[in-house]
N, C-alpha and C. Protein backbone atom coordinates (compact mmCIF):
# COMPACT_ATOMS: atom_id res chain seq x y z
N MET A 1 -59.40 -243.02 25.42
CA MET A 1 -59.68 -241.29 25.80
C MET A 1 -58.67 -240.80 25.37
N LYS A 2 -57.64 -241.22 25.57
CA LYS A 2 -55.93 -240.39 25.09
C LYS A 2 -56.00 -240.53 23.71
N SER A 3 -55.97 -241.29 22.90
CA SER A 3 -56.05 -241.71 21.42
C SER A 3 -57.85 -240.91 20.78
N LEU A 4 -57.97 -240.89 21.42
CA LEU A 4 -59.46 -240.48 20.66
C LEU A 4 -59.20 -238.60 20.55
N LYS A 5 -58.49 -238.20 21.75
CA LYS A 5 -58.54 -236.52 21.98
C LYS A 5 -56.74 -236.64 21.04
N ARG A 6 -55.64 -236.88 21.09
CA ARG A 6 -54.96 -237.11 20.21
C ARG A 6 -55.31 -236.65 18.58
N LEU A 7 -56.05 -237.84 18.23
CA LEU A 7 -56.59 -237.83 17.32
C LEU A 7 -57.69 -236.44 17.20
N SER A 8 -58.60 -235.51 17.75
CA SER A 8 -58.56 -234.33 17.51
C SER A 8 -58.07 -233.74 17.36
N ILE A 9 -56.91 -233.66 18.17
CA ILE A 9 -55.84 -232.08 18.21
C ILE A 9 -55.18 -232.02 16.36
N LEU A 10 -54.87 -234.09 16.05
CA LEU A 10 -54.20 -233.75 14.94
C LEU A 10 -55.35 -232.97 13.73
N ILE A 11 -56.34 -234.02 13.58
CA ILE A 11 -57.51 -233.22 12.69
C ILE A 11 -57.65 -231.54 12.95
N VAL A 12 -57.66 -231.02 13.92
CA VAL A 12 -57.95 -229.48 14.32
C VAL A 12 -56.64 -228.84 14.06
N SER A 13 -55.46 -229.50 13.87
CA SER A 13 -53.94 -229.65 13.45
C SER A 13 -54.04 -229.40 11.84
N PHE A 14 -54.59 -230.32 11.28
CA PHE A 14 -54.35 -230.76 9.74
C PHE A 14 -56.02 -229.67 9.15
N VAL A 15 -56.83 -229.19 9.47
CA VAL A 15 -57.61 -228.36 8.68
C VAL A 15 -57.63 -226.48 9.42
N LEU A 16 -56.19 -226.69 10.58
CA LEU A 16 -55.48 -224.96 10.54
C LEU A 16 -54.86 -224.89 9.65
N PHE A 17 -53.67 -225.62 9.22
CA PHE A 17 -53.48 -226.10 8.71
C PHE A 17 -53.33 -225.57 6.63
N SER A 18 -54.12 -226.39 6.57
CA SER A 18 -54.82 -226.16 5.39
C SER A 18 -55.61 -225.23 4.68
N ALA A 19 -56.15 -224.86 5.51
CA ALA A 19 -57.05 -223.69 5.88
C ALA A 19 -55.96 -222.03 4.91
N PHE A 20 -54.86 -222.66 5.96
CA PHE A 20 -53.55 -221.26 6.07
C PHE A 20 -53.08 -221.58 3.60
N THR A 21 -52.96 -222.79 3.69
CA THR A 21 -52.32 -222.74 2.47
C THR A 21 -54.12 -222.58 1.60
N LEU A 22 -54.36 -222.11 1.78
CA LEU A 22 -55.84 -222.40 0.58
C LEU A 22 -55.78 -220.88 0.04
N ILE A 23 -55.42 -220.04 1.55
CA ILE A 23 -55.44 -218.79 0.93
C ILE A 23 -54.11 -218.30 -0.45
N GLN A 24 -54.97 -217.88 -1.29
CA GLN A 24 -53.57 -217.46 -2.38
C GLN A 24 -53.28 -215.70 -2.05
N THR A 25 -52.42 -215.05 -2.16
CA THR A 25 -52.71 -213.72 -2.28
C THR A 25 -52.11 -213.71 -4.08
N PRO A 26 -53.29 -212.62 -3.88
CA PRO A 26 -53.30 -212.57 -6.08
C PRO A 26 -52.11 -211.78 -6.21
N PRO A 27 -52.07 -212.17 -7.04
CA PRO A 27 -50.29 -212.19 -7.78
C PRO A 27 -49.83 -211.24 -8.07
N TYR A 28 -50.71 -209.85 -8.09
CA TYR A 28 -50.86 -207.87 -8.74
C TYR A 28 -50.71 -207.58 -7.11
N VAL A 29 -50.57 -208.24 -6.07
CA VAL A 29 -49.84 -208.00 -4.13
C VAL A 29 -48.22 -207.87 -4.74
N GLY A 30 -47.71 -206.69 -4.46
CA GLY A 30 -46.39 -206.42 -3.98
C GLY A 30 -46.03 -205.44 -4.21
N LYS A 31 -44.97 -204.84 -4.24
CA LYS A 31 -44.26 -203.69 -4.41
C LYS A 31 -44.00 -204.35 -6.26
N TRP A 32 -43.41 -203.20 -7.05
CA TRP A 32 -43.33 -202.88 -8.81
C TRP A 32 -42.73 -202.01 -8.53
N ARG A 33 -41.81 -202.40 -9.66
CA ARG A 33 -40.81 -200.31 -10.43
C ARG A 33 -40.49 -200.88 -11.75
N GLY A 34 -41.70 -199.36 -12.07
CA GLY A 34 -41.12 -199.22 -13.56
C GLY A 34 -40.37 -198.49 -14.10
N GLU A 35 -40.29 -197.95 -15.03
CA GLU A 35 -39.21 -196.42 -15.75
C GLU A 35 -39.62 -196.47 -16.94
N ASP A 36 -39.40 -195.09 -17.11
CA ASP A 36 -40.47 -194.37 -18.24
C ASP A 36 -39.95 -193.18 -17.88
N LYS A 37 -38.71 -193.16 -19.47
CA LYS A 37 -38.18 -192.43 -20.00
C LYS A 37 -37.21 -191.54 -18.97
N GLY A 38 -36.16 -192.43 -18.16
CA GLY A 38 -34.84 -192.52 -17.56
C GLY A 38 -35.65 -192.65 -15.95
N ASP A 39 -37.01 -192.42 -15.61
CA ASP A 39 -37.42 -192.01 -14.24
C ASP A 39 -37.83 -193.26 -13.78
N ILE A 40 -37.43 -193.78 -12.50
CA ILE A 40 -37.96 -195.06 -11.81
C ILE A 40 -39.16 -194.44 -10.52
N GLY A 41 -39.97 -195.26 -10.67
CA GLY A 41 -41.98 -195.14 -9.75
C GLY A 41 -41.88 -196.39 -9.21
N TYR A 42 -42.48 -196.24 -8.95
CA TYR A 42 -42.10 -197.93 -7.90
C TYR A 42 -44.13 -197.16 -7.33
N VAL A 43 -44.36 -198.97 -7.65
CA VAL A 43 -46.31 -198.79 -7.15
C VAL A 43 -45.98 -200.29 -6.25
N THR A 44 -47.01 -200.04 -5.00
CA THR A 44 -47.51 -201.24 -3.95
C THR A 44 -49.00 -201.43 -4.04
N PHE A 45 -49.02 -202.50 -4.35
CA PHE A 45 -50.47 -202.84 -3.82
C PHE A 45 -50.26 -203.61 -2.53
N THR A 46 -50.92 -203.42 -1.63
CA THR A 46 -51.03 -204.41 0.12
C THR A 46 -51.88 -205.02 -0.13
N LYS A 47 -52.39 -206.62 0.79
CA LYS A 47 -53.00 -207.42 0.72
C LYS A 47 -54.70 -206.80 1.54
N ASP A 48 -54.43 -205.68 1.50
CA ASP A 48 -55.66 -205.35 2.17
C ASP A 48 -56.04 -204.24 1.69
N GLY A 49 -55.56 -203.67 0.14
CA GLY A 49 -56.33 -203.34 -0.55
C GLY A 49 -56.01 -201.62 -1.09
N TYR A 50 -54.68 -201.32 -0.20
CA TYR A 50 -54.18 -199.94 -0.92
C TYR A 50 -53.41 -200.00 -2.06
N ALA A 51 -53.52 -198.95 -2.17
CA ALA A 51 -52.15 -198.94 -2.91
C ALA A 51 -51.10 -197.87 -2.74
N LEU A 52 -50.10 -197.22 -3.01
CA LEU A 52 -49.02 -196.41 -3.37
C LEU A 52 -47.77 -196.49 -3.86
N PHE A 53 -47.33 -194.83 -4.45
CA PHE A 53 -46.95 -194.63 -5.79
C PHE A 53 -46.10 -194.22 -5.15
N GLU A 54 -44.45 -194.34 -6.11
CA GLU A 54 -43.07 -193.17 -5.37
C GLU A 54 -42.77 -193.13 -6.12
N PHE A 55 -42.48 -191.96 -6.21
CA PHE A 55 -41.02 -191.04 -7.57
C PHE A 55 -39.90 -190.75 -6.40
N ASP A 56 -38.82 -190.18 -6.56
CA ASP A 56 -38.21 -189.68 -6.12
C ASP A 56 -38.31 -189.46 -4.40
N GLY A 57 -38.26 -190.59 -4.03
CA GLY A 57 -38.77 -190.70 -2.50
C GLY A 57 -39.79 -189.88 -1.94
N GLN A 58 -40.40 -189.97 -2.80
CA GLN A 58 -41.65 -188.88 -1.93
C GLN A 58 -43.16 -190.76 -2.36
N ILE A 59 -43.98 -190.63 -1.26
CA ILE A 59 -44.22 -191.95 -1.63
C ILE A 59 -45.77 -190.18 -1.34
N MET A 60 -47.12 -191.13 -2.28
CA MET A 60 -48.43 -190.84 -2.49
C MET A 60 -49.54 -192.18 -1.79
N GLY A 61 -50.32 -192.40 -1.25
CA GLY A 61 -51.30 -192.63 -1.00
C GLY A 61 -51.13 -193.70 0.27
N GLY A 62 -51.73 -195.20 0.31
CA GLY A 62 -51.82 -195.47 1.15
C GLY A 62 -52.81 -196.37 2.26
N LYS A 63 -52.74 -195.90 3.21
CA LYS A 63 -53.94 -195.32 4.59
C LYS A 63 -54.25 -193.82 5.02
N SER A 64 -53.09 -194.05 5.15
CA SER A 64 -53.19 -192.33 5.15
C SER A 64 -51.64 -191.63 4.37
N PHE A 65 -52.20 -190.22 3.63
CA PHE A 65 -51.48 -189.33 3.02
C PHE A 65 -52.26 -188.11 2.65
N VAL A 66 -51.95 -186.74 2.60
CA VAL A 66 -52.43 -185.60 2.62
C VAL A 66 -52.61 -185.10 0.72
N ARG A 67 -54.03 -184.52 0.92
CA ARG A 67 -53.58 -184.81 -0.94
C ARG A 67 -54.33 -183.31 -0.69
N ASP A 68 -54.27 -182.43 -1.37
CA ASP A 68 -54.79 -181.05 -1.20
C ASP A 68 -55.40 -180.53 -0.52
N GLY A 69 -54.00 -181.20 1.24
CA GLY A 69 -54.23 -179.89 2.21
C GLY A 69 -55.52 -180.88 2.87
N VAL A 70 -55.81 -181.96 2.44
CA VAL A 70 -56.49 -183.14 3.15
C VAL A 70 -56.07 -184.56 3.00
N GLU A 71 -56.54 -184.85 4.21
CA GLU A 71 -56.07 -186.02 4.54
C GLU A 71 -56.62 -186.73 3.56
N ALA A 72 -55.82 -187.89 3.79
CA ALA A 72 -57.29 -189.27 2.15
C ALA A 72 -55.72 -190.24 2.50
N SER A 73 -56.92 -191.34 1.62
CA SER A 73 -56.45 -193.08 1.42
C SER A 73 -56.63 -193.35 0.22
N MET A 74 -56.14 -194.02 -0.31
CA MET A 74 -55.51 -194.46 -2.01
C MET A 74 -56.25 -196.06 -1.75
N HIS A 75 -57.12 -196.00 -2.72
CA HIS A 75 -57.44 -198.09 -2.21
C HIS A 75 -57.16 -198.43 -3.72
N TYR A 76 -57.37 -200.08 -4.13
CA TYR A 76 -57.62 -200.27 -5.63
C TYR A 76 -58.62 -201.53 -4.92
N GLU A 77 -59.41 -201.50 -6.17
CA GLU A 77 -60.11 -202.29 -6.75
C GLU A 77 -60.17 -203.43 -8.31
N VAL A 78 -60.15 -204.49 -8.35
CA VAL A 78 -59.75 -205.24 -9.42
C VAL A 78 -60.28 -205.78 -10.03
N GLN A 79 -60.90 -206.31 -11.20
CA GLN A 79 -61.93 -206.72 -11.44
C GLN A 79 -61.08 -207.93 -12.49
N LYS A 80 -61.02 -209.00 -12.08
CA LYS A 80 -60.80 -210.06 -13.30
C LYS A 80 -61.02 -210.35 -14.32
N LYS A 81 -60.63 -209.88 -15.91
CA LYS A 81 -61.00 -210.10 -16.69
C LYS A 81 -60.75 -211.40 -17.39
N ASP A 82 -61.17 -211.26 -19.39
CA ASP A 82 -60.20 -213.03 -19.82
C ASP A 82 -58.96 -212.85 -19.91
N ASN A 83 -58.73 -212.30 -19.85
CA ASN A 83 -56.79 -212.00 -20.12
C ASN A 83 -55.88 -211.07 -19.84
N PHE A 84 -56.71 -210.06 -18.54
CA PHE A 84 -56.12 -208.74 -18.19
C PHE A 84 -56.93 -208.82 -16.39
N TYR A 85 -57.18 -207.41 -15.31
CA TYR A 85 -58.00 -207.28 -14.92
C TYR A 85 -58.69 -206.14 -14.71
N ASN A 86 -59.14 -205.58 -15.07
CA ASN A 86 -59.20 -204.39 -15.07
C ASN A 86 -59.09 -202.87 -13.00
N MET A 87 -59.32 -202.78 -12.81
CA MET A 87 -58.17 -202.03 -11.52
C MET A 87 -58.87 -199.76 -12.00
N ASP A 88 -59.28 -199.90 -10.57
CA ASP A 88 -59.78 -198.75 -10.05
C ASP A 88 -59.18 -198.18 -9.60
N ILE A 89 -58.73 -197.01 -8.87
CA ILE A 89 -57.36 -196.97 -8.08
C ILE A 89 -58.07 -195.60 -7.33
N ILE A 90 -58.10 -195.27 -5.90
CA ILE A 90 -60.27 -194.54 -6.13
C ILE A 90 -59.05 -193.91 -4.71
N VAL A 91 -59.33 -192.62 -4.61
CA VAL A 91 -58.35 -191.65 -3.93
C VAL A 91 -60.18 -191.41 -2.84
N LYS A 92 -59.92 -191.55 -0.97
CA LYS A 92 -61.07 -190.71 -0.22
C LYS A 92 -60.72 -190.81 0.86
N LYS A 93 -61.59 -188.94 0.79
CA LYS A 93 -61.06 -188.29 2.60
C LYS A 93 -61.31 -189.62 3.21
N ASN A 94 -60.36 -189.44 3.96
CA ASN A 94 -60.37 -190.04 5.71
C ASN A 94 -61.88 -190.10 6.64
N GLU A 95 -61.68 -188.65 6.76
CA GLU A 95 -62.43 -188.25 7.56
C GLU A 95 -64.09 -188.78 7.48
N THR A 96 -64.68 -188.86 5.46
CA THR A 96 -66.33 -188.49 5.32
C THR A 96 -66.18 -189.62 4.00
N ASP A 97 -65.27 -190.55 3.84
CA ASP A 97 -65.24 -191.73 2.85
C ASP A 97 -65.39 -190.85 1.45
N GLU A 98 -65.70 -190.04 1.20
CA GLU A 98 -66.54 -189.25 0.08
C GLU A 98 -65.01 -189.46 -0.75
N THR A 99 -65.38 -190.05 -2.24
CA THR A 99 -64.48 -190.44 -3.19
C THR A 99 -63.58 -188.66 -3.53
N MET A 100 -62.41 -188.80 -3.68
CA MET A 100 -61.63 -187.66 -4.14
C MET A 100 -61.94 -187.49 -6.18
N GLY A 101 -61.14 -188.91 -5.44
CA GLY A 101 -60.96 -189.00 -7.79
C GLY A 101 -60.73 -190.55 -8.22
N ILE A 102 -60.99 -191.35 -9.42
CA ILE A 102 -61.04 -192.49 -9.90
C ILE A 102 -60.22 -192.45 -11.02
N LEU A 103 -58.92 -193.13 -10.54
CA LEU A 103 -57.73 -193.86 -11.84
C LEU A 103 -58.15 -194.84 -12.30
N GLN A 104 -58.56 -195.11 -13.81
CA GLN A 104 -58.83 -195.89 -14.25
C GLN A 104 -57.72 -196.83 -15.09
N GLY A 105 -58.24 -198.27 -15.05
CA GLY A 105 -56.44 -199.35 -15.94
C GLY A 105 -57.32 -200.13 -15.65
N ILE A 106 -56.24 -200.96 -16.83
CA ILE A 106 -56.33 -202.40 -16.74
C ILE A 106 -54.66 -202.98 -16.80
N PHE A 107 -54.76 -204.34 -16.31
CA PHE A 107 -53.36 -204.73 -16.47
C PHE A 107 -52.93 -205.39 -16.43
N LYS A 108 -51.88 -206.40 -16.95
CA LYS A 108 -52.27 -207.68 -17.25
C LYS A 108 -50.62 -208.51 -16.37
N ILE A 109 -50.63 -209.90 -16.07
CA ILE A 109 -49.90 -210.17 -14.81
C ILE A 109 -49.16 -211.28 -16.49
N ASN A 110 -47.62 -210.73 -16.81
CA ASN A 110 -46.96 -212.43 -17.63
C ASN A 110 -46.06 -212.99 -17.58
N SER A 111 -45.93 -212.43 -16.28
CA SER A 111 -45.07 -213.40 -14.60
C SER A 111 -45.26 -213.45 -13.55
N GLU A 112 -44.80 -214.34 -12.92
CA GLU A 112 -44.62 -213.66 -11.59
C GLU A 112 -43.50 -212.62 -11.31
N THR A 113 -43.47 -212.17 -11.77
CA THR A 113 -42.26 -211.05 -11.07
C THR A 113 -42.36 -209.45 -12.85
N GLU A 114 -43.35 -209.79 -13.29
CA GLU A 114 -43.38 -208.85 -14.84
C GLU A 114 -45.30 -208.75 -14.69
N MET A 115 -45.19 -207.55 -15.27
CA MET A 115 -46.81 -206.66 -15.05
C MET A 115 -46.95 -205.76 -15.87
N VAL A 116 -48.24 -205.98 -16.53
CA VAL A 116 -48.13 -204.32 -17.55
C VAL A 116 -49.57 -203.98 -17.00
N LEU A 117 -49.17 -201.85 -17.34
CA LEU A 117 -50.06 -201.60 -16.53
C LEU A 117 -50.55 -200.44 -17.58
N ALA A 118 -52.03 -200.73 -17.93
CA ALA A 118 -51.73 -198.74 -18.58
C ALA A 118 -53.17 -198.56 -17.68
N LEU A 119 -53.02 -197.30 -17.83
CA LEU A 119 -53.44 -196.24 -16.74
C LEU A 119 -53.88 -194.64 -17.71
N GLY A 120 -55.75 -194.53 -17.47
CA GLY A 120 -55.77 -193.43 -17.83
C GLY A 120 -56.34 -192.52 -17.09
N PHE A 121 -54.86 -191.36 -17.54
CA PHE A 121 -54.48 -190.97 -16.89
C PHE A 121 -55.94 -189.67 -17.14
N ASP A 122 -54.99 -188.40 -16.33
CA ASP A 122 -55.87 -186.69 -16.36
C ASP A 122 -57.47 -187.30 -16.85
N GLY A 123 -58.26 -188.12 -16.26
CA GLY A 123 -59.30 -188.15 -15.95
C GLY A 123 -60.24 -188.89 -16.98
N SER A 124 -59.38 -189.37 -17.71
CA SER A 124 -60.12 -190.31 -19.49
C SER A 124 -60.55 -191.53 -18.81
N SER A 125 -60.90 -191.98 -19.72
CA SER A 125 -61.68 -193.48 -19.32
C SER A 125 -60.77 -194.98 -19.69
N ARG A 126 -61.10 -195.51 -19.06
CA ARG A 126 -60.47 -197.06 -18.92
C ARG A 126 -59.49 -196.94 -20.61
N PRO A 127 -57.96 -197.04 -20.43
CA PRO A 127 -57.44 -198.35 -21.87
C PRO A 127 -58.35 -199.29 -21.90
N THR A 128 -59.32 -199.94 -23.08
CA THR A 128 -59.03 -200.68 -23.71
C THR A 128 -57.98 -201.69 -24.59
N ASP A 129 -56.26 -201.21 -24.69
CA ASP A 129 -55.26 -202.15 -24.61
C ASP A 129 -54.38 -201.47 -24.22
N PHE A 130 -53.08 -201.97 -24.32
CA PHE A 130 -52.19 -202.17 -23.96
C PHE A 130 -51.02 -200.80 -25.25
N GLU A 131 -51.56 -200.64 -25.45
CA GLU A 131 -51.18 -200.25 -27.12
C GLU A 131 -50.72 -198.90 -26.80
N THR A 132 -51.42 -197.58 -25.10
CA THR A 132 -51.30 -196.61 -25.11
C THR A 132 -51.03 -196.04 -23.26
N ASN A 133 -49.77 -195.14 -23.07
CA ASN A 133 -50.03 -195.04 -21.58
C ASN A 133 -49.39 -195.78 -20.70
N GLN A 134 -48.89 -197.09 -21.39
CA GLN A 134 -48.49 -198.35 -20.90
C GLN A 134 -47.30 -198.76 -20.25
N ILE A 135 -47.19 -199.23 -19.31
CA ILE A 135 -45.32 -198.99 -18.58
C ILE A 135 -45.43 -200.55 -18.42
N THR A 136 -44.13 -201.35 -18.04
CA THR A 136 -44.65 -202.62 -18.36
C THR A 136 -43.56 -202.75 -16.89
N LEU A 137 -43.56 -203.17 -15.83
CA LEU A 137 -43.61 -203.26 -14.07
C LEU A 137 -42.80 -204.68 -13.58
N LYS A 138 -41.35 -204.86 -13.24
CA LYS A 138 -40.61 -205.52 -12.28
C LYS A 138 -40.76 -205.92 -10.86
N LYS A 139 -41.83 -207.37 -10.72
CA LYS A 139 -42.24 -207.35 -8.86
C LYS A 139 -40.65 -207.00 -8.46
N VAL A 140 -40.57 -206.15 -7.52
CA VAL A 140 -39.38 -205.82 -6.23
C VAL A 140 -39.48 -207.33 -4.99
N ASP A 141 -40.34 -207.01 -4.34
CA ASP A 141 -41.07 -207.25 -3.72
C ASP A 141 -42.22 -207.98 -2.94
């Protein structure tokens, strides 16, 4: 009876530890640093789907921030394509879950520490390549 109990504990432990190692964090999750024309900024993609932008010590995004006098949140959604990813950065009102805006982009992962991101600013459509409006980001966290 004791050996059956030990065997059961061993199997349960093995299953639990195996389950944790199978869950892999996507390569784009983390804090990334970029430089554009001498200006340094950061973008963070959290495990739970929030995006944050940081410039000159000002942080916009995450679970709660104020945009146009309204409490909002900034989420991201990613869809894997052949050689890159589509990304939508979505700002929603926290009170009603109404979408306030969507920034469409694409990105590719060059290495564990380098990402190239291209965004369609000012309401433009999703970029189709990395020739314009792109920035190379280095992972810092």
